[in-house]
Amino acid sequence: GLSSKPVLSVTTDSPSARTVTVRLSYLASGFDWRASYVATQA
């Protein structure tokens, strides 16, 4: 029950055994960005 990584678990019911490509999208806090400008006068 312990994991070294954060886990999102979902329950699904597949009609057959298969390998699928899954796309997971979510919002997450803890990010940010800024712009920094460097100008050089001739």
PDB file of all heavy atoms in Angstrom:
ATOM      1  N   GLY A   1       0.793  -1.223   0.000  1.00  0.00           N
ATOM      2  CA  GLY A   1       0.000   0.000   0.000  1.00  0.00           C
ATOM      3  C   GLY A   1       0.821   1.266   0.000  1.00  0.00           C
ATOM      4  O   GLY A   1       0.277   2.350  -0.180  1.00  0.00           O
ATOM      5  N   LEU A   2       2.150   1.137   0.199  1.00  0.00           N
ATOM      6  CA  LEU A   2       3.010   2.314   0.171  1.00  0.00           C
ATOM      7  C   LEU A   2       3.695   2.414  -1.178  1.00  0.00           C
ATOM      8  O   LEU A   2       4.081   1.417  -1.783  1.00  0.00           O
ATOM      9  CB  LEU A   2       4.074   2.245   1.271  1.00  0.00           C
ATOM     10  CG  LEU A   2       3.600   2.373   2.710  1.00  0.00           C
ATOM     11  CD1 LEU A   2       4.781   2.342   3.659  1.00  0.00           C
ATOM     12  CD2 LEU A   2       2.806   3.650   2.907  1.00  0.00           C
ATOM     13  N   SER A   3       3.859   3.626  -1.643  1.00  0.00           N
ATOM     14  CA  SER A   3       4.503   3.856  -2.931  1.00  0.00           C
ATOM     15  C   SER A   3       5.526   4.967  -2.780  1.00  0.00           C
ATOM     16  O   SER A   3       5.314   5.927  -2.036  1.00  0.00           O
ATOM     17  CB  SER A   3       3.466   4.244  -3.992  1.00  0.00           C
ATOM     18  OG  SER A   3       4.107   4.626  -5.197  1.00  0.00           O
ATOM     19  N   SER A   4       6.641   4.831  -3.492  1.00  0.00           N
ATOM     20  CA  SER A   4       7.656   5.880  -3.464  1.00  0.00           C
ATOM     21  C   SER A   4       7.307   7.017  -4.410  1.00  0.00           C
ATOM     22  O   SER A   4       8.015   8.014  -4.464  1.00  0.00           O
ATOM     23  CB  SER A   4       9.023   5.298  -3.849  1.00  0.00           C
ATOM     24  OG  SER A   4       8.976   4.743  -5.155  1.00  0.00           O
ATOM     25  N   LYS A   5       6.216   6.874  -5.152  1.00  0.00           N
ATOM     26  CA  LYS A   5       5.786   7.903  -6.091  1.00  0.00           C
ATOM     27  C   LYS A   5       4.311   8.212  -5.852  1.00  0.00           C
ATOM     28  O   LYS A   5       3.547   7.330  -5.477  1.00  0.00           O
ATOM     29  CB  LYS A   5       5.961   7.425  -7.537  1.00  0.00           C
ATOM     30  CG  LYS A   5       7.358   6.944  -7.894  1.00  0.00           C
ATOM     31  CD  LYS A   5       7.361   6.356  -9.297  1.00  0.00           C
ATOM     32  CE  LYS A   5       8.709   5.771  -9.660  1.00  0.00           C
ATOM     33  NZ  LYS A   5       8.686   5.143 -11.015  1.00  0.00           N
ATOM     34  N   PRO A   6       3.880   9.470  -6.096  1.00  0.00           N
ATOM     35  CA  PRO A   6       2.450   9.765  -6.030  1.00  0.00           C
ATOM     36  C   PRO A   6       1.685   8.900  -7.033  1.00  0.00           C
ATOM     37  O   PRO A   6       2.181   8.613  -8.124  1.00  0.00           O
ATOM     38  CB  PRO A   6       2.377  11.249  -6.395  1.00  0.00           C
ATOM     39  CG  PRO A   6       3.739  11.784  -6.121  1.00  0.00           C
ATOM     40  CD  PRO A   6       4.687  10.670  -6.389  1.00  0.00           C
ATOM     41  N   VAL A   7       0.480   8.490  -6.658  1.00  0.00           N
ATOM     42  CA  VAL A   7      -0.282   7.548  -7.474  1.00  0.00           C
ATOM     43  C   VAL A   7      -1.700   8.069  -7.692  1.00  0.00           C
ATOM     44  O   VAL A   7      -2.347   8.544  -6.759  1.00  0.00           O
ATOM     45  CB  VAL A   7      -0.349   6.160  -6.801  1.00  0.00           C
ATOM     46  CG1 VAL A   7      -1.260   5.215  -7.585  1.00  0.00           C
ATOM     47  CG2 VAL A   7       1.046   5.555  -6.682  1.00  0.00           C
ATOM     48  N   LEU A   8      -2.163   7.991  -8.933  1.00  0.00           N
ATOM     49  CA  LEU A   8      -3.579   8.173  -9.248  1.00  0.00           C
ATOM     50  C   LEU A   8      -4.088   6.818  -9.715  1.00  0.00           C
ATOM     51  O   LEU A   8      -3.562   6.246 -10.672  1.00  0.00           O
ATOM     52  CB  LEU A   8      -3.774   9.222 -10.345  1.00  0.00           C
ATOM     53  CG  LEU A   8      -5.226   9.415 -10.798  1.00  0.00           C
ATOM     54  CD1 LEU A   8      -6.019  10.151  -9.727  1.00  0.00           C
ATOM     55  CD2 LEU A   8      -5.301  10.153 -12.119  1.00  0.00           C
ATOM     56  N   SER A   9      -5.086   6.276  -9.033  1.00  0.00           N
ATOM     57  CA  SER A   9      -5.607   4.964  -9.408  1.00  0.00           C
ATOM     58  C   SER A   9      -7.028   5.102  -9.939  1.00  0.00           C
ATOM     59  O   SER A   9      -7.807   5.914  -9.441  1.00  0.00           O
ATOM     60  CB  SER A   9      -5.582   4.013  -8.205  1.00  0.00           C
ATOM     61  OG  SER A   9      -6.404   4.504  -7.165  1.00  0.00           O
ATOM     62  N   VAL A  10      -7.338   4.311 -10.952  1.00  0.00           N
ATOM     63  CA  VAL A  10      -8.677   4.299 -11.522  1.00  0.00           C
ATOM     64  C   VAL A  10      -9.127   2.850 -11.653  1.00  0.00           C
ATOM     65  O   VAL A  10      -8.315   1.932 -11.813  1.00  0.00           O
ATOM     66  CB  VAL A  10      -8.721   4.988 -12.911  1.00  0.00           C
ATOM     67  CG1 VAL A  10      -8.280   6.416 -12.809  1.00  0.00           C
ATOM     68  CG2 VAL A  10      -7.875   4.239 -13.925  1.00  0.00           C
ATOM     69  N   THR A  11     -10.419   2.650 -11.569  1.00  0.00           N
ATOM     70  CA  THR A  11     -11.005   1.326 -11.758  1.00  0.00           C
ATOM     71  C   THR A  11     -11.689   1.292 -13.114  1.00  0.00           C
ATOM     72  O   THR A  11     -12.449   2.212 -13.456  1.00  0.00           O
ATOM     73  CB  THR A  11     -12.013   1.005 -10.644  1.00  0.00           C
ATOM     74  OG1 THR A  11     -11.359   1.120  -9.378  1.00  0.00           O
ATOM     75  CG2 THR A  11     -12.568  -0.390 -10.797  1.00  0.00           C
ATOM     76  N   THR A  12     -11.399   0.260 -13.878  1.00  0.00           N
ATOM     77  CA  THR A  12     -11.976   0.131 -15.209  1.00  0.00           C
ATOM     78  C   THR A  12     -12.429  -1.313 -15.413  1.00  0.00           C
ATOM     79  O   THR A  12     -12.071  -2.210 -14.645  1.00  0.00           O
ATOM     80  CB  THR A  12     -10.957   0.543 -16.293  1.00  0.00           C
ATOM     81  OG1 THR A  12     -11.584   0.516 -17.578  1.00  0.00           O
ATOM     82  CG2 THR A  12      -9.755  -0.383 -16.292  1.00  0.00           C
ATOM     83  N   ASP A  13     -13.217  -1.535 -16.432  1.00  0.00           N
ATOM     84  CA  ASP A  13     -13.734  -2.878 -16.741  1.00  0.00           C
ATOM     85  C   ASP A  13     -13.566  -3.095 -18.236  1.00  0.00           C
ATOM     86  O   ASP A  13     -14.336  -2.576 -19.054  1.00  0.00           O
ATOM     87  CB  ASP A  13     -15.201  -2.976 -16.335  1.00  0.00           C
ATOM     88  CG  ASP A  13     -15.680  -4.428 -16.273  1.00  0.00           C
ATOM     89  OD1 ASP A  13     -15.010  -5.283 -16.891  1.00  0.00           O
ATOM     90  OD2 ASP A  13     -16.699  -4.696 -15.627  1.00  0.00           O
ATOM     91  N   SER A  14     -12.542  -3.857 -18.604  1.00  0.00           N
ATOM     92  CA  SER A  14     -12.221  -4.063 -20.023  1.00  0.00           C
ATOM     93  C   SER A  14     -12.949  -5.277 -20.567  1.00  0.00           C
ATOM     94  O   SER A  14     -12.963  -6.346 -19.925  1.00  0.00           O
ATOM     95  CB  SER A  14     -10.711  -4.232 -20.195  1.00  0.00           C
ATOM     96  OG  SER A  14     -10.378  -4.465 -21.546  1.00  0.00           O
ATOM     97  N   PRO A  15     -13.560  -5.175 -21.741  1.00  0.00           N
ATOM     98  CA  PRO A  15     -14.278  -6.327 -22.317  1.00  0.00           C
ATOM     99  C   PRO A  15     -13.353  -7.452 -22.752  1.00  0.00           C
ATOM    100  O   PRO A  15     -13.797  -8.579 -22.924  1.00  0.00           O
ATOM    101  CB  PRO A  15     -15.013  -5.711 -23.517  1.00  0.00           C
ATOM    102  CG  PRO A  15     -14.220  -4.486 -23.862  1.00  0.00           C
ATOM    103  CD  PRO A  15     -13.674  -3.967 -22.583  1.00  0.00           C
ATOM    104  N   SER A  16     -12.041  -7.145 -22.923  1.00  0.00           N
ATOM    105  CA  SER A  16     -11.096  -8.194 -23.327  1.00  0.00           C
ATOM    106  C   SER A  16      -9.698  -7.774 -22.887  1.00  0.00           C
ATOM    107  O   SER A  16      -9.445  -6.607 -22.594  1.00  0.00           O
ATOM    108  CB  SER A  16     -11.118  -8.396 -24.849  1.00  0.00           C
ATOM    109  OG  SER A  16     -10.734  -7.206 -25.515  1.00  0.00           O
ATOM    110  N   ALA A  17      -8.804  -8.745 -22.837  1.00  0.00           N
ATOM    111  CA  ALA A  17      -7.412  -8.450 -22.497  1.00  0.00           C
ATOM    112  C   ALA A  17      -6.746  -7.807 -23.709  1.00  0.00           C
ATOM    113  O   ALA A  17      -6.830  -8.335 -24.817  1.00  0.00           O
ATOM    114  CB  ALA A  17      -6.689  -9.722 -22.088  1.00  0.00           C
ATOM    115  N   ARG A  18      -6.089  -6.709 -23.503  1.00  0.00           N
ATOM    116  CA  ARG A  18      -5.451  -6.003 -24.614  1.00  0.00           C
ATOM    117  C   ARG A  18      -4.442  -4.984 -24.090  1.00  0.00           C
ATOM    118  O   ARG A  18      -4.485  -4.588 -22.930  1.00  0.00           O
ATOM    119  CB  ARG A  18      -6.495  -5.298 -25.471  1.00  0.00           C
ATOM    120  CG  ARG A  18      -7.243  -4.185 -24.738  1.00  0.00           C
ATOM    121  CD  ARG A  18      -8.281  -3.512 -25.633  1.00  0.00           C
ATOM    122  NE  ARG A  18      -9.447  -4.353 -25.825  1.00  0.00           N
ATOM    123  CZ  ARG A  18     -10.518  -3.978 -26.538  1.00  0.00           C
ATOM    124  NH1 ARG A  18     -10.532  -2.792 -27.117  1.00  0.00           N
ATOM    125  NH2 ARG A  18     -11.554  -4.782 -26.648  1.00  0.00           N
ATOM    126  N   THR A  19      -3.541  -4.560 -24.978  1.00  0.00           N
ATOM    127  CA  THR A  19      -2.610  -3.466 -24.697  1.00  0.00           C
ATOM    128  C   THR A  19      -3.167  -2.203 -25.322  1.00  0.00           C
ATOM    129  O   THR A  19      -3.489  -2.179 -26.522  1.00  0.00           O
ATOM    130  CB  THR A  19      -1.208  -3.762 -25.264  1.00  0.00           C
ATOM    131  OG1 THR A  19      -0.692  -4.948 -24.638  1.00  0.00           O
ATOM    132  CG2 THR A  19      -0.258  -2.605 -24.988  1.00  0.00           C
ATOM    133  N   VAL A  20      -3.305  -1.157 -24.510  1.00  0.00           N
ATOM    134  CA  VAL A  20      -3.917   0.075 -24.997  1.00  0.00           C
ATOM    135  C   VAL A  20      -3.000   1.257 -24.705  1.00  0.00           C
ATOM    136  O   VAL A  20      -2.143   1.212 -23.814  1.00  0.00           O
ATOM    137  CB  VAL A  20      -5.294   0.312 -24.327  1.00  0.00           C
ATOM    138  CG1 VAL A  20      -6.265  -0.785 -24.691  1.00  0.00           C
ATOM    139  CG2 VAL A  20      -5.149   0.433 -22.819  1.00  0.00           C
ATOM    140  N   THR A  21      -3.163   2.298 -25.484  1.00  0.00           N
ATOM    141  CA  THR A  21      -2.475   3.566 -25.248  1.00  0.00           C
ATOM    142  C   THR A  21      -3.448   4.508 -24.557  1.00  0.00           C
ATOM    143  O   THR A  21      -4.522   4.800 -25.088  1.00  0.00           O
ATOM    144  CB  THR A  21      -1.986   4.191 -26.565  1.00  0.00           C
ATOM    145  OG1 THR A  21      -1.051   3.290 -27.185  1.00  0.00           O
ATOM    146  CG2 THR A  21      -1.296   5.525 -26.311  1.00  0.00           C
ATOM    147  N   VAL A  22      -3.073   4.934 -23.371  1.00  0.00           N
ATOM    148  CA  VAL A  22      -3.944   5.750 -22.538  1.00  0.00           C
ATOM    149  C   VAL A  22      -3.377   7.161 -22.458  1.00  0.00           C
ATOM    150  O   VAL A  22      -2.160   7.348 -22.302  1.00  0.00           O
ATOM    151  CB  VAL A  22      -4.071   5.148 -21.119  1.00  0.00           C
ATOM    152  CG1 VAL A  22      -4.933   6.034 -20.237  1.00  0.00           C
ATOM    153  CG2 VAL A  22      -4.658   3.748 -21.200  1.00  0.00           C
ATOM    154  N   ARG A  23      -4.257   8.127 -22.537  1.00  0.00           N
ATOM    155  CA  ARG A  23      -3.861   9.532 -22.405  1.00  0.00           C
ATOM    156  C   ARG A  23      -4.481  10.070 -21.118  1.00  0.00           C
ATOM    157  O   ARG A  23      -5.700  10.105 -20.973  1.00  0.00           O
ATOM    158  CB  ARG A  23      -4.340  10.332 -23.612  1.00  0.00           C
ATOM    159  CG  ARG A  23      -3.939  11.798 -23.575  1.00  0.00           C
ATOM    160  CD  ARG A  23      -4.259  12.453 -24.898  1.00  0.00           C
ATOM    161  NE  ARG A  23      -4.104  13.894 -24.834  1.00  0.00           N
ATOM    162  CZ  ARG A  23      -4.201  14.693 -25.881  1.00  0.00           C
ATOM    163  NH1 ARG A  23      -4.449  14.179 -27.068  1.00  0.00           N
ATOM    164  NH2 ARG A  23      -4.062  15.988 -25.752  1.00  0.00           N
ATOM    165  N   LEU A  24      -3.607  10.488 -20.201  1.00  0.00           N
ATOM    166  CA  LEU A  24      -4.023  11.019 -18.908  1.00  0.00           C
ATOM    167  C   LEU A  24      -3.718  12.508 -18.863  1.00  0.00           C
ATOM    168  O   LEU A  24      -2.568  12.915 -19.046  1.00  0.00           O
ATOM    169  CB  LEU A  24      -3.292  10.287 -17.781  1.00  0.00           C
ATOM    170  CG  LEU A  24      -3.400  10.884 -16.374  1.00  0.00           C
ATOM    171  CD1 LEU A  24      -4.842  10.834 -15.884  1.00  0.00           C
ATOM    172  CD2 LEU A  24      -2.478  10.149 -15.412  1.00  0.00           C
ATOM    173  N   SER A  25      -4.732  13.319 -18.632  1.00  0.00           N
ATOM    174  CA  SER A  25      -4.555  14.771 -18.529  1.00  0.00           C
ATOM    175  C   SER A  25      -5.100  15.243 -17.186  1.00  0.00           C
ATOM    176  O   SER A  25      -6.161  14.793 -16.745  1.00  0.00           O
ATOM    177  CB  SER A  25      -5.292  15.491 -19.669  1.00  0.00           C
ATOM    178  OG  SER A  25      -4.809  15.075 -20.928  1.00  0.00           O
ATOM    179  N   TYR A  26      -4.380  16.165 -16.533  1.00  0.00           N
ATOM    180  CA  TYR A  26      -4.829  16.678 -15.239  1.00  0.00           C
ATOM    181  C   TYR A  26      -4.169  18.020 -14.957  1.00  0.00           C
ATOM    182  O   TYR A  26      -3.134  18.361 -15.552  1.00  0.00           O
ATOM    183  CB  TYR A  26      -4.510  15.686 -14.117  1.00  0.00           C
ATOM    184  CG  TYR A  26      -3.049  15.317 -13.991  1.00  0.00           C
ATOM    185  CD1 TYR A  26      -2.172  16.075 -13.196  1.00  0.00           C
ATOM    186  CD2 TYR A  26      -2.523  14.212 -14.651  1.00  0.00           C
ATOM    187  CE1 TYR A  26      -0.839  15.735 -13.081  1.00  0.00           C
ATOM    188  CE2 TYR A  26      -1.191  13.870 -14.541  1.00  0.00           C
ATOM    189  CZ  TYR A  26      -0.350  14.628 -13.755  1.00  0.00           C
ATOM    190  OH  TYR A  26       0.973  14.298 -13.638  1.00  0.00           O
ATOM    191  N   LEU A  27      -4.779  18.779 -14.069  1.00  0.00           N
ATOM    192  CA  LEU A  27      -4.191  20.014 -13.578  1.00  0.00           C
ATOM    193  C   LEU A  27      -3.355  19.704 -12.343  1.00  0.00           C
ATOM    194  O   LEU A  27      -3.708  18.836 -11.543  1.00  0.00           O
ATOM    195  CB  LEU A  27      -5.278  21.035 -13.224  1.00  0.00           C
ATOM    196  CG  LEU A  27      -6.161  21.534 -14.368  1.00  0.00           C
ATOM    197  CD1 LEU A  27      -7.223  22.487 -13.819  1.00  0.00           C
ATOM    198  CD2 LEU A  27      -5.327  22.235 -15.429  1.00  0.00           C
ATOM    199  N   ALA A  28      -2.259  20.443 -12.185  1.00  0.00           N
ATOM    200  CA  ALA A  28      -1.388  20.242 -11.027  1.00  0.00           C
ATOM    201  C   ALA A  28      -0.834  21.588 -10.582  1.00  0.00           C
ATOM    202  O   ALA A  28      -0.439  22.414 -11.413  1.00  0.00           O
ATOM    203  CB  ALA A  28      -0.250  19.289 -11.357  1.00  0.00           C
ATOM    204  N   SER A  29      -0.829  21.800  -9.274  1.00  0.00           N
ATOM    205  CA  SER A  29      -0.239  23.009  -8.712  1.00  0.00           C
ATOM    206  C   SER A  29       1.268  22.820  -8.581  1.00  0.00           C
ATOM    207  O   SER A  29       1.811  21.743  -8.840  1.00  0.00           O
ATOM    208  CB  SER A  29      -0.863  23.306  -7.353  1.00  0.00           C
ATOM    209  OG  SER A  29      -0.615  22.229  -6.461  1.00  0.00           O
ATOM    210  N   GLY A  30       1.958  23.897  -8.162  1.00  0.00           N
ATOM    211  CA  GLY A  30       3.394  23.805  -7.934  1.00  0.00           C
ATOM    212  C   GLY A  30       4.240  24.095  -9.148  1.00  0.00           C
ATOM    213  O   GLY A  30       5.392  23.656  -9.226  1.00  0.00           O
ATOM    214  N   PHE A  31       3.704  24.849 -10.113  1.00  0.00           N
ATOM    215  CA  PHE A  31       4.464  25.265 -11.287  1.00  0.00           C
ATOM    216  C   PHE A  31       4.390  26.792 -11.409  1.00  0.00           C
ATOM    217  O   PHE A  31       3.513  27.439 -10.836  1.00  0.00           O
ATOM    218  CB  PHE A  31       3.904  24.639 -12.569  1.00  0.00           C
ATOM    219  CG  PHE A  31       4.077  23.147 -12.664  1.00  0.00           C
ATOM    220  CD1 PHE A  31       3.111  22.297 -12.148  1.00  0.00           C
ATOM    221  CD2 PHE A  31       5.191  22.606 -13.271  1.00  0.00           C
ATOM    222  CE1 PHE A  31       3.253  20.923 -12.228  1.00  0.00           C
ATOM    223  CE2 PHE A  31       5.337  21.224 -13.356  1.00  0.00           C
ATOM    224  CZ  PHE A  31       4.370  20.380 -12.840  1.00  0.00           C
ATOM    225  N   ASP A  32       5.299  27.354 -12.173  1.00  0.00           N
ATOM    226  CA  ASP A  32       5.250  28.790 -12.462  1.00  0.00           C
ATOM    227  C   ASP A  32       6.255  29.081 -13.570  1.00  0.00           C
ATOM    228  O   ASP A  32       7.123  28.245 -13.879  1.00  0.00           O
ATOM    229  CB  ASP A  32       5.586  29.611 -11.213  1.00  0.00           C
ATOM    230  CG  ASP A  32       4.919  30.989 -11.238  1.00  0.00           C
ATOM    231  OD1 ASP A  32       4.407  31.384 -12.311  1.00  0.00           O
ATOM    232  OD2 ASP A  32       4.919  31.670 -10.203  1.00  0.00           O
ATOM    233  N   TRP A  33       6.129  30.263 -14.150  1.00  0.00           N
ATOM    234  CA  TRP A  33       7.115  30.664 -15.146  1.00  0.00           C
ATOM    235  C   TRP A  33       7.204  32.184 -15.210  1.00  0.00           C
ATOM    236  O   TRP A  33       6.282  32.880 -14.794  1.00  0.00           O
ATOM    237  CB  TRP A  33       6.803  30.077 -16.530  1.00  0.00           C
ATOM    238  CG  TRP A  33       5.643  30.684 -17.263  1.00  0.00           C
ATOM    239  CD1 TRP A  33       4.338  30.349 -17.138  1.00  0.00           C
ATOM    240  CD2 TRP A  33       5.689  31.736 -18.248  1.00  0.00           C
ATOM    241  NE1 TRP A  33       3.553  31.109 -17.979  1.00  0.00           N
ATOM    242  CE2 TRP A  33       4.360  31.971 -18.674  1.00  0.00           C
ATOM    243  CE3 TRP A  33       6.711  32.482 -18.817  1.00  0.00           C
ATOM    244  CZ2 TRP A  33       4.038  32.926 -19.639  1.00  0.00           C
ATOM    245  CZ3 TRP A  33       6.394  33.440 -19.771  1.00  0.00           C
ATOM    246  CH2 TRP A  33       5.065  33.642 -20.181  1.00  0.00           C
ATOM    247  N   ARG A  34       8.348  32.668 -15.679  1.00  0.00           N
ATOM    248  CA  ARG A  34       8.588  34.097 -15.860  1.00  0.00           C
ATOM    249  C   ARG A  34       9.398  34.314 -17.138  1.00  0.00           C
ATOM    250  O   ARG A  34      10.090  33.416 -17.610  1.00  0.00           O
ATOM    251  CB  ARG A  34       9.394  34.682 -14.695  1.00  0.00           C
ATOM    252  CG  ARG A  34       8.685  34.709 -13.366  1.00  0.00           C
ATOM    253  CD  ARG A  34       7.565  35.749 -13.306  1.00  0.00           C
ATOM    254  NE  ARG A  34       7.091  35.852 -11.940  1.00  0.00           N
ATOM    255  CZ  ARG A  34       6.233  35.010 -11.373  1.00  0.00           C
ATOM    256  NH1 ARG A  34       5.768  33.995 -12.075  1.00  0.00           N
ATOM    257  NH2 ARG A  34       5.842  35.172 -10.124  1.00  0.00           N
ATOM    258  N   ALA A  35       9.283  35.521 -17.647  1.00  0.00           N
ATOM    259  CA  ALA A  35      10.118  35.932 -18.768  1.00  0.00           C
ATOM    260  C   ALA A  35      11.226  36.840 -18.254  1.00  0.00           C
ATOM    261  O   ALA A  35      11.023  37.622 -17.319  1.00  0.00           O
ATOM    262  CB  ALA A  35       9.284  36.661 -19.821  1.00  0.00           C
ATOM    263  N   SER A  36      12.401  36.718 -18.831  1.00  0.00           N
ATOM    264  CA  SER A  36      13.536  37.574 -18.487  1.00  0.00           C
ATOM    265  C   SER A  36      14.146  38.074 -19.788  1.00  0.00           C
ATOM    266  O   SER A  36      14.488  37.267 -20.669  1.00  0.00           O
ATOM    267  CB  SER A  36      14.589  36.801 -17.684  1.00  0.00           C
ATOM    268  OG  SER A  36      14.028  36.235 -16.520  1.00  0.00           O
ATOM    269  N   TYR A  37      14.271  39.389 -19.906  1.00  0.00           N
ATOM    270  CA  TYR A  37      14.764  39.995 -21.132  1.00  0.00           C
ATOM    271  C   TYR A  37      16.163  40.569 -20.917  1.00  0.00           C
ATOM    272  O   TYR A  37      16.419  41.244 -19.913  1.00  0.00           O
ATOM    273  CB  TYR A  37      13.822  41.103 -21.598  1.00  0.00           C
ATOM    274  CG  TYR A  37      12.415  40.631 -21.874  1.00  0.00           C
ATOM    275  CD1 TYR A  37      11.427  40.720 -20.899  1.00  0.00           C
ATOM    276  CD2 TYR A  37      12.068  40.080 -23.099  1.00  0.00           C
ATOM    277  CE1 TYR A  37      10.139  40.281 -21.132  1.00  0.00           C
ATOM    278  CE2 TYR A  37      10.779  39.630 -23.353  1.00  0.00           C
ATOM    279  CZ  TYR A  37       9.821  39.733 -22.366  1.00  0.00           C
ATOM    280  OH  TYR A  37       8.543  39.294 -22.604  1.00  0.00           O
ATOM    281  N   VAL A  38      17.044  40.291 -21.862  1.00  0.00           N
ATOM    282  CA  VAL A  38      18.403  40.823 -21.837  1.00  0.00           C
ATOM    283  C   VAL A  38      18.584  41.642 -23.110  1.00  0.00           C
ATOM    284  O   VAL A  38      18.494  41.104 -24.225  1.00  0.00           O
ATOM    285  CB  VAL A  38      19.445  39.694 -21.762  1.00  0.00           C
ATOM    286  CG1 VAL A  38      20.851  40.276 -21.767  1.00  0.00           C
ATOM    287  CG2 VAL A  38      19.219  38.847 -20.524  1.00  0.00           C
ATOM    288  N   ALA A  39      18.820  42.939 -22.942  1.00  0.00           N
ATOM    289  CA  ALA A  39      19.001  43.844 -24.086  1.00  0.00           C
ATOM    290  C   ALA A  39      20.437  44.354 -24.099  1.00  0.00           C
ATOM    291  O   ALA A  39      20.996  44.670 -23.045  1.00  0.00           O
ATOM    292  CB  ALA A  39      18.032  45.015 -23.998  1.00  0.00           C
ATOM    293  N   THR A  40      21.031  44.423 -25.276  1.00  0.00           N
ATOM    294  CA  THR A  40      22.394  44.930 -25.433  1.00  0.00           C
ATOM    295  C   THR A  40      22.369  46.096 -26.397  1.00  0.00           C
ATOM    296  O   THR A  40      22.012  45.936 -27.575  1.00  0.00           O
ATOM    297  CB  THR A  40      23.337  43.830 -25.953  1.00  0.00           C
ATOM    298  OG1 THR A  40      23.277  42.700 -25.060  1.00  0.00           O
ATOM    299  CG2 THR A  40      24.764  44.336 -26.019  1.00  0.00           C
ATOM    300  N   GLN A  41      22.724  47.252 -25.876  1.00  0.00           N
ATOM    301  CA  GLN A  41      22.719  48.477 -26.687  1.00  0.00           C
ATOM    302  C   GLN A  41      23.937  48.488 -27.603  1.00  0.00           C
ATOM    303  O   GLN A  41      25.057  48.225 -27.175  1.00  0.00           O
ATOM    304  CB  GLN A  41      22.744  49.696 -25.770  1.00  0.00           C
ATOM    305  CG  GLN A  41      22.739  51.027 -26.493  1.00  0.00           C
ATOM    306  CD  GLN A  41      22.751  52.180 -25.501  1.00  0.00           C
ATOM    307  OE1 GLN A  41      21.938  52.225 -24.590  1.00  0.00           O
ATOM    308  NE2 GLN A  41      23.690  53.087 -25.668  1.00  0.00           N
ATOM    309  N   ALA A  42      23.692  48.783 -28.886  1.00  0.00           N
ATOM    310  CA  ALA A  42      24.779  48.819 -29.857  1.00  0.00           C
ATOM    311  C   ALA A  42      25.673  50.037 -29.627  1.00  0.00           C
ATOM    312  O   ALA A  42      25.296  50.994 -28.945  1.00  0.00           O
ATOM    313  CB  ALA A  42      24.207  48.829 -31.279  1.00  0.00           C
TER     314      ALA A  42
END
